[in-house]
């Protein structure tokens, strides 16, 4: 099972990223553990200086932007 983490402080972009992730998972028929990380210290410890950020299986795949549902789906099926 994939592990997906959305890093962000709760801003509109962060919330949109989380919704895009959920939609991409549903469209792709993929089950995953999705975790939202809002703790600023943990975000900075990951080396993220701009939010939102998307991590898939521990790897940063998008930082400082909100990928589209299609982009996220493509990242998930790699």
Protein backbone atom coordinates (compact mmCIF):
# COMPACT_ATOMS: atom_id res chain seq x y z
CA UNK A 1 0.00 0.00 0.00
CA UNK A 2 1.30 3.44 -0.91
CA UNK A 3 1.96 6.01 1.77
CA UNK A 4 1.01 9.54 0.79
CA UNK A 5 1.75 12.62 2.86
CA UNK A 6 0.39 16.10 2.25
CA UNK A 7 2.50 18.71 4.01
CA UNK A 8 0.97 22.10 4.66
CA UNK A 9 -0.30 24.42 7.32
CA UNK A 10 -3.97 24.29 6.33
CA UNK A 11 -4.01 27.00 3.67
CA UNK A 12 -6.35 26.85 0.68
CA UNK A 13 -3.64 25.37 -1.58
CA UNK A 14 -2.84 22.68 0.97
CA UNK A 15 -6.50 21.73 1.25
CA UNK A 16 -6.84 21.66 -2.55
CA UNK A 17 -3.82 19.35 -2.80
CA UNK A 18 -5.38 16.96 -0.30
CA UNK A 19 -8.65 16.92 -2.29
CA UNK A 20 -6.75 16.35 -5.55
CA UNK A 21 -4.90 13.41 -3.95
CA UNK A 22 -8.16 11.83 -2.80
CA UNK A 23 -9.74 12.28 -6.24
CA UNK A 24 -6.67 10.86 -8.02
CA UNK A 25 -6.67 7.81 -5.75
CA UNK A 26 -10.35 7.21 -6.41
CA UNK A 27 -9.99 7.61 -10.19
CA UNK A 28 -6.96 5.29 -10.30
CA UNK A 29 -8.57 2.73 -8.00
CA UNK A 30 -5.55 2.80 -5.71
CA UNK A 31 -5.72 2.23 -1.97
CA UNK A 32 -3.27 4.31 0.02
CA UNK A 33 -2.63 5.65 3.48
CA UNK A 34 -3.03 9.42 3.30
CA UNK A 35 -1.63 11.54 6.10
CA UNK A 36 -1.85 15.32 6.45
CA UNK A 37 1.13 16.88 8.19
CA UNK A 38 0.51 20.39 9.50
CA UNK A 39 3.28 20.64 12.12
CA UNK A 40 5.66 23.34 10.92
CA UNK A 41 8.67 21.80 12.67
CA UNK A 42 8.11 18.44 10.97
CA UNK A 43 7.60 20.15 7.61
CA UNK A 44 10.88 22.04 7.98
CA UNK A 45 12.70 18.89 9.17
CA UNK A 46 11.79 17.33 5.81
CA UNK A 47 13.59 20.18 4.06
CA UNK A 48 10.36 21.71 2.76
CA UNK A 49 10.53 25.50 2.64
CA UNK A 50 7.42 26.07 0.50
CA UNK A 51 4.06 24.43 1.01
CA UNK A 52 2.10 22.58 -0.03
CA UNK A 53 4.28 19.55 -0.55
CA UNK A 54 3.39 16.04 -1.64
CA UNK A 55 5.38 12.98 -0.60
CA UNK A 56 4.72 9.53 -2.03
CA UNK A 57 6.39 6.63 -0.22
CA UNK A 58 8.77 9.04 1.52
CA UNK A 59 9.88 10.86 -1.63
CA UNK A 60 9.05 14.51 -2.37
CA UNK A 61 7.24 14.61 -5.72
CA UNK A 62 5.84 18.16 -5.59
CA UNK A 63 6.89 21.14 -3.47
CA UNK A 64 5.39 24.62 -3.51
CA UNK A 65 2.67 23.82 -6.02
CA UNK A 66 -0.61 21.97 -6.38
CA UNK A 67 -0.39 19.27 -9.06
CA UNK A 68 -3.57 18.52 -10.99
CA UNK A 69 -5.55 15.35 -10.39
CA UNK A 70 -4.14 13.92 -13.64
CA UNK A 71 -0.55 14.73 -12.61
CA UNK A 72 -1.03 13.08 -9.23
CA UNK A 73 -2.66 10.01 -10.79
CA UNK A 74 0.35 9.65 -13.11
CA UNK A 75 2.72 9.93 -10.12
CA UNK A 76 0.78 7.21 -8.32
CA UNK A 77 0.80 4.66 -11.15
CA UNK A 78 4.55 4.88 -11.81
